[in-house]
């Protein structure tokens, strides 16, 4: 297949491109400035895209968006988080809908932030959205793919959970304090964390490209979510370090403001119902095997 990827320099995209190439696919990148041979240029801030360059692909995987955890959620930062997702997706979706040779499928990023803070409720793809900043962003983000869907392009929205990788993301930031023995639960520790390894996420994206019956939202999470307390203990065991220094909820709120509520203290117990129903096999379904693989810890 010929596959076009946006966001190819991010945590997921930088792993997905070689994963797809290794599987024999012809991978090209949608980039803001010069990239590898065959790259296609766009500037979503300016509403500019190489229209001819996005034609003729079998699949487009859209991952681009502002890093949601790069700083406190000021009003201007929240606007950048929202606009980078909504405007970029609208531009790409409208362009694909208007070309003579559109792709068969558009796989577009979303997040389990769609569900908001839901306690121990089991959340599937047909669950209602939550309330607040992140659910609002995710609703607009997913709705931005409508032009492609209305054109007849099969659209899949990947609602991704916490991506486990030692190379970056949330886990990458956790590793130093945990390795130093000063890690611990956050808040009560009872909030659910729905997660997936980076390698499994790449396989999920390819599965969504290949399985023609998949469309709409797809929860990209392990089938075994855990509480923050259990996640913390498992990480400590994997690193052979104690986890006795909790981060109280009030301290998280003081340090991070609204971002603490949205990313650290919210509870989302998400089930990958559509992946299970279509026969996807997780390489790392449980947290212990995930940490062994991600952290290169012997069994």
Protein backbone atom coordinates (compact mmCIF):
# COMPACT_ATOMS: atom_id res chain seq x y z
CA UNK A 1 0.00 0.00 0.00
CA UNK A 2 0.96 3.63 -0.47
CA UNK A 3 0.46 5.33 2.89
CA UNK A 4 0.71 9.04 3.76
CA UNK A 5 1.40 9.96 7.42
CA UNK A 6 1.10 13.33 9.15
CA UNK A 7 2.80 13.87 12.51
CA UNK A 8 5.59 11.51 11.48
CA UNK A 9 8.15 13.13 13.82
CA UNK A 10 6.06 12.64 16.97
CA UNK A 11 6.28 9.72 19.39
CA UNK A 12 3.76 7.59 17.49
CA UNK A 13 4.57 8.72 13.97
CA UNK A 14 8.31 8.17 14.36
CA UNK A 15 7.60 4.55 15.29
CA UNK A 16 4.76 4.00 12.82
CA UNK A 17 6.67 5.01 9.68
CA UNK A 18 9.42 2.35 10.03
CA UNK A 19 6.83 -0.18 11.26
CA UNK A 20 4.82 0.21 8.06
CA UNK A 21 7.92 0.29 5.88
CA UNK A 22 9.14 -2.91 7.53
CA UNK A 23 5.79 -4.52 6.67
CA UNK A 24 6.42 -3.76 2.99
CA UNK A 25 4.34 -0.59 2.58
CA UNK A 26 5.39 2.52 0.65
CA UNK A 27 5.37 5.27 3.28
CA UNK A 28 5.37 9.01 2.58
CA UNK A 29 5.22 11.90 5.04
CA UNK A 30 3.04 15.00 5.19
CA UNK A 31 5.42 17.64 6.57
CA UNK A 32 5.62 21.37 7.26
CA UNK A 33 9.12 21.76 5.82
CA UNK A 34 11.56 19.68 3.81
CA UNK A 35 11.50 15.98 4.61
CA UNK A 36 12.65 12.67 3.10
CA UNK A 37 12.23 12.16 -0.67
CA UNK A 38 8.57 11.84 -1.54
CA UNK A 39 7.37 14.03 1.33
CA UNK A 40 4.27 16.19 0.81
CA UNK A 41 4.19 19.77 2.11
CA UNK A 42 1.44 21.42 4.10
CA UNK A 43 0.98 24.32 6.52
CA UNK A 44 -2.25 23.81 8.50
CA UNK A 45 -1.84 27.16 10.30
CA UNK A 46 -1.98 28.93 6.94
CA UNK A 47 -4.55 26.56 5.46
CA UNK A 48 -2.07 25.48 2.78
CA UNK A 49 -1.53 21.96 1.44
CA UNK A 50 -0.09 20.37 -1.69
CA UNK A 51 -3.38 19.21 -3.13
CA UNK A 52 -1.85 17.18 -5.95
CA UNK A 53 0.62 15.64 -3.51
CA UNK A 54 -2.08 13.96 -1.39
CA UNK A 55 -3.68 12.15 -4.33
CA UNK A 56 -3.28 8.50 -5.13
CA UNK A 57 -2.68 7.01 -1.68
CA UNK A 58 -4.36 3.85 -0.47
CA UNK A 59 -4.45 5.13 3.12
CA UNK A 60 -3.79 8.33 5.04
CA UNK A 61 -2.87 8.26 8.74
CA UNK A 62 -3.30 11.64 10.42
CA UNK A 63 -1.43 12.02 13.73
CA UNK A 64 -0.43 15.70 13.80
CA UNK A 65 -1.34 17.90 16.76
CA UNK A 66 0.13 20.11 19.50
CA UNK A 67 1.69 18.21 22.43
CA UNK A 68 -1.02 18.22 25.06
CA UNK A 69 1.35 17.83 28.03
CA UNK A 70 4.05 20.34 27.11
CA UNK A 71 2.99 23.03 29.59
CA UNK A 72 0.21 24.49 31.74
CA UNK A 73 -3.13 24.91 30.04
CA UNK A 74 -3.31 28.68 29.72
CA UNK A 75 -6.06 30.10 27.54
CA UNK A 76 -3.65 30.55 24.63
CA UNK A 77 -2.22 27.07 25.02
CA UNK A 78 -5.67 25.49 25.10
CA UNK A 79 -6.48 27.33 21.90
CA UNK A 80 -3.32 25.93 20.25
CA UNK A 81 -4.15 22.40 21.43
CA UNK A 82 -7.66 22.66 19.99
CA UNK A 83 -6.81 24.53 16.78
CA UNK A 84 -3.85 22.30 15.86
CA UNK A 85 -6.19 19.32 15.89
CA UNK A 86 -9.38 20.78 14.48
CA UNK A 87 -7.95 23.05 11.78
CA UNK A 88 -5.38 20.51 10.60
CA UNK A 89 -7.95 17.72 10.42
CA UNK A 90 -10.47 19.93 8.63
CA UNK A 91 -7.86 20.99 6.06
CA UNK A 92 -6.72 17.44 5.37
CA UNK A 93 -10.23 15.97 5.36
CA UNK A 94 -11.62 18.63 3.02
CA UNK A 95 -8.65 18.27 0.69
CA UNK A 96 -8.94 14.47 0.51
CA UNK A 97 -12.66 14.82 -0.16
CA UNK A 98 -11.96 17.09 -3.12
CA UNK A 99 -9.24 15.21 -5.01
CA UNK A 100 -9.90 12.95 -7.97
CA UNK A 101 -8.16 9.94 -6.39
CA UNK A 102 -8.94 9.95 -2.66
CA UNK A 103 -7.65 7.25 -0.32
CA UNK A 104 -9.78 4.26 0.61
CA UNK A 105 -9.32 4.99 4.31
CA UNK A 106 -8.41 7.88 6.60
CA UNK A 107 -7.20 6.86 10.05
CA UNK A 108 -7.27 9.98 12.21
CA UNK A 109 -5.97 10.38 15.74
CA UNK A 110 -8.25 11.08 18.68
CA UNK A 111 -7.94 10.25 22.38
CA UNK A 112 -9.77 8.62 25.29
CA UNK A 113 -9.97 12.16 26.67
CA UNK A 114 -13.28 12.05 24.76
CA UNK A 115 -14.84 10.24 27.74
CA UNK A 116 -13.70 12.64 30.45
CA UNK A 117 -13.55 11.67 34.15
CA UNK A 118 -15.88 8.68 34.54
CA UNK A 119 -14.77 6.82 37.68
CA UNK A 120 -15.08 3.03 37.36
CA UNK A 121 -17.65 3.09 34.53
CA UNK A 122 -16.67 0.75 31.67
CA UNK A 123 -16.39 2.87 28.52
CA UNK A 124 -16.81 1.53 25.01
CA UNK A 125 -16.89 3.26 21.64
CA UNK A 126 -20.64 3.90 21.92
CA UNK A 127 -20.36 5.50 25.37
CA UNK A 128 -21.41 9.15 25.65
CA UNK A 129 -18.75 11.87 25.68
CA UNK A 130 -17.69 13.50 28.90
CA UNK A 131 -17.69 17.19 29.76
CA UNK A 132 -14.86 19.69 29.99
CA UNK A 133 -11.95 20.83 27.88
CA UNK A 134 -10.55 17.52 26.61
CA UNK A 135 -13.90 15.91 25.74
CA UNK A 136 -14.83 19.09 23.90
CA UNK A 137 -11.60 19.07 21.91
CA UNK A 138 -12.02 15.39 21.03
CA UNK A 139 -15.60 15.88 19.85
CA UNK A 140 -14.56 18.72 17.53
CA UNK A 141 -11.45 16.79 16.43
CA UNK A 142 -13.48 13.75 15.40
CA UNK A 143 -16.19 15.86 13.76
CA UNK A 144 -13.51 17.48 11.60
CA UNK A 145 -13.22 14.26 9.59
CA UNK A 146 -16.81 14.63 8.34
CA UNK A 147 -15.91 15.94 4.85
CA UNK A 148 -13.92 12.76 4.15
CA UNK A 149 -16.65 10.52 5.54
CA UNK A 150 -19.33 12.24 3.49
CA UNK A 151 -17.19 11.78 0.37
CA UNK A 152 -17.31 8.02 0.97
CA UNK A 153 -13.83 7.62 2.42
CA UNK A 154 -13.83 5.07 5.25
CA UNK A 155 -12.86 7.07 8.35
CA UNK A 156 -11.52 5.58 11.59
CA UNK A 157 -10.87 7.74 14.66
CA UNK A 158 -8.26 6.18 16.94
CA UNK A 159 -9.07 7.01 20.57
CA UNK A 160 -5.65 6.42 22.06
CA UNK A 161 -4.93 5.89 25.73
CA UNK A 162 -1.65 6.41 27.60
CA UNK A 163 1.08 5.28 25.19
CA UNK A 164 3.86 3.36 26.93
CA UNK A 165 7.33 4.01 25.55
CA UNK A 166 10.68 4.60 27.19
CA UNK A 167 11.45 7.07 24.39
CA UNK A 168 8.97 9.73 25.40
CA UNK A 169 5.40 10.51 26.32
CA UNK A 170 4.09 10.28 29.87
CA UNK A 171 6.07 7.16 30.79
CA UNK A 172 9.28 8.73 29.55
CA UNK A 173 8.73 11.60 31.98
CA UNK A 174 7.93 9.22 34.85
CA UNK A 175 11.06 7.10 34.52
CA UNK A 176 13.61 9.42 36.16
CA UNK A 177 11.76 9.98 39.47
CA UNK A 178 10.77 6.31 39.64
CA UNK A 179 14.33 5.17 38.93
CA UNK A 180 15.46 7.49 41.73
CA UNK A 181 12.98 5.83 44.09
CA UNK A 182 10.83 8.93 44.61
CA UNK A 183 7.81 7.87 42.52
CA UNK A 184 4.37 7.07 43.88
CA UNK A 185 0.66 7.15 43.25
CA UNK A 186 -1.07 10.34 42.15
CA UNK A 187 -3.97 11.59 44.24
CA UNK A 188 -6.07 8.74 45.62
CA UNK A 189 -4.56 6.29 43.13
CA UNK A 190 -8.05 4.95 42.42
CA UNK A 191 -8.41 6.64 39.03
CA UNK A 192 -8.29 4.21 36.10
CA UNK A 193 -5.51 4.44 33.53
CA UNK A 194 -6.17 2.97 30.09
CA UNK A 195 -2.90 2.35 28.31
CA UNK A 196 -1.26 0.71 25.28
CA UNK A 197 2.33 0.00 24.28
CA UNK A 198 3.73 1.94 21.36
CA UNK A 199 4.34 -1.26 19.38
CA UNK A 200 0.76 -2.42 19.91
CA UNK A 201 -0.53 1.00 18.86
CA UNK A 202 1.37 0.79 15.57
CA UNK A 203 -0.20 -2.63 14.99
CA UNK A 204 -3.65 -1.22 15.85
CA UNK A 205 -3.27 1.52 13.25
CA UNK A 206 -2.32 -1.01 10.58
CA UNK A 207 -5.26 -3.20 11.66
CA UNK A 208 -7.61 -0.22 11.20
CA UNK A 209 -6.18 0.43 7.75
CA UNK A 210 -6.58 -3.19 6.68
CA UNK A 211 -9.93 -4.20 8.21
CA UNK A 212 -12.60 -2.80 5.91
CA UNK A 213 -15.42 -3.25 8.43
CA UNK A 214 -13.87 -0.85 10.93
CA UNK A 215 -15.11 2.72 10.86
CA UNK A 216 -15.85 5.50 13.32
CA UNK A 217 -14.23 5.58 16.77
CA UNK A 218 -11.93 2.73 17.82
CA UNK A 219 -10.53 2.57 21.36
CA UNK A 220 -6.77 1.98 21.11
CA UNK A 221 -6.10 0.67 24.61
CA UNK A 222 -5.10 -2.60 26.25
CA UNK A 223 -8.01 -4.83 27.33
CA UNK A 224 -6.71 -4.61 30.92
CA UNK A 225 -6.87 -1.05 32.31
CA UNK A 226 -5.51 -0.55 35.83
CA UNK A 227 -5.82 1.95 38.63
CA UNK A 228 -3.09 4.50 39.10
CA UNK A 229 -2.13 2.71 42.34
CA UNK A 230 -1.64 -0.60 40.51
CA UNK A 231 0.19 1.11 37.63
CA UNK A 232 2.56 2.72 40.13
CA UNK A 233 3.26 -0.57 41.91
CA UNK A 234 3.86 -2.41 38.63
CA UNK A 235 6.30 0.26 37.43
CA UNK A 236 8.15 0.13 40.74
CA UNK A 237 8.44 -3.66 40.49
CA UNK A 238 9.69 -3.45 36.92
CA UNK A 239 12.41 -0.99 37.99
CA UNK A 240 13.08 -2.68 41.38
CA UNK A 241 12.38 0.59 43.15
CA UNK A 242 10.08 1.60 46.02
CA UNK A 243 6.95 3.67 45.26
CA UNK A 244 6.35 5.34 48.60
CA UNK A 245 6.21 9.03 47.65
CA UNK A 246 2.66 9.88 46.58
CA UNK A 247 1.79 13.10 44.77
CA UNK A 248 -1.26 14.52 46.55
CA UNK A 249 -4.06 15.78 44.33
CA UNK A 250 -3.79 19.32 45.70
CA UNK A 251 -0.06 19.41 44.88
CA UNK A 252 -0.72 18.22 41.33
CA UNK A 253 -3.35 20.94 40.92
CA UNK A 254 -0.98 23.61 42.25
CA UNK A 255 1.85 22.45 39.96
CA UNK A 256 -0.15 21.85 36.78
CA UNK A 257 -3.50 23.58 37.17
CA UNK A 258 -6.31 22.34 34.93
CA UNK A 259 -3.96 19.93 33.17
CA UNK A 260 -3.68 17.89 36.38
CA UNK A 261 -7.43 17.29 36.39
CA UNK A 262 -7.53 16.35 32.72
CA UNK A 263 -4.45 14.13 32.50
CA UNK A 264 -3.47 12.90 35.96
CA UNK A 265 -6.56 12.75 38.16
CA UNK A 266 -9.30 11.87 35.65
CA UNK A 267 -10.43 8.24 35.56
CA UNK A 268 -11.19 6.45 32.27
CA UNK A 269 -11.79 2.69 32.33
CA UNK A 270 -11.83 2.09 28.58
CA UNK A 271 -12.48 -1.18 26.76
CA UNK A 272 -11.21 -1.86 23.18
CA UNK A 273 -14.53 -3.42 22.14
CA UNK A 274 -14.14 -2.96 18.37
CA UNK A 275 -10.59 -4.27 18.29
CA UNK A 276 -11.58 -7.37 20.21
CA UNK A 277 -14.62 -7.91 17.98
CA UNK A 278 -12.46 -7.76 14.83
CA UNK A 279 -9.89 -10.23 16.13
CA UNK A 280 -6.99 -7.94 16.98
CA UNK A 281 -4.33 -9.69 19.07
CA UNK A 282 -2.42 -7.58 21.57
CA UNK A 283 1.25 -8.40 21.91
CA UNK A 284 1.25 -6.84 25.39
CA UNK A 285 -2.26 -7.12 26.87
CA UNK A 286 -1.18 -6.90 30.53
CA UNK A 287 0.93 -4.29 32.27
CA UNK A 288 3.64 -6.67 33.51
CA UNK A 289 4.44 -7.91 29.99
CA UNK A 290 4.19 -4.34 28.71
CA UNK A 291 6.77 -3.02 31.16
CA UNK A 292 9.08 -5.96 30.46
CA UNK A 293 9.00 -5.14 26.76
CA UNK A 294 9.12 -1.35 27.01
CA UNK A 295 11.79 -1.21 29.71
CA UNK A 296 13.74 -4.27 28.48
CA UNK A 297 13.28 -5.95 31.86
CA UNK A 298 13.98 -9.72 31.91
CA UNK A 299 11.05 -12.01 32.75
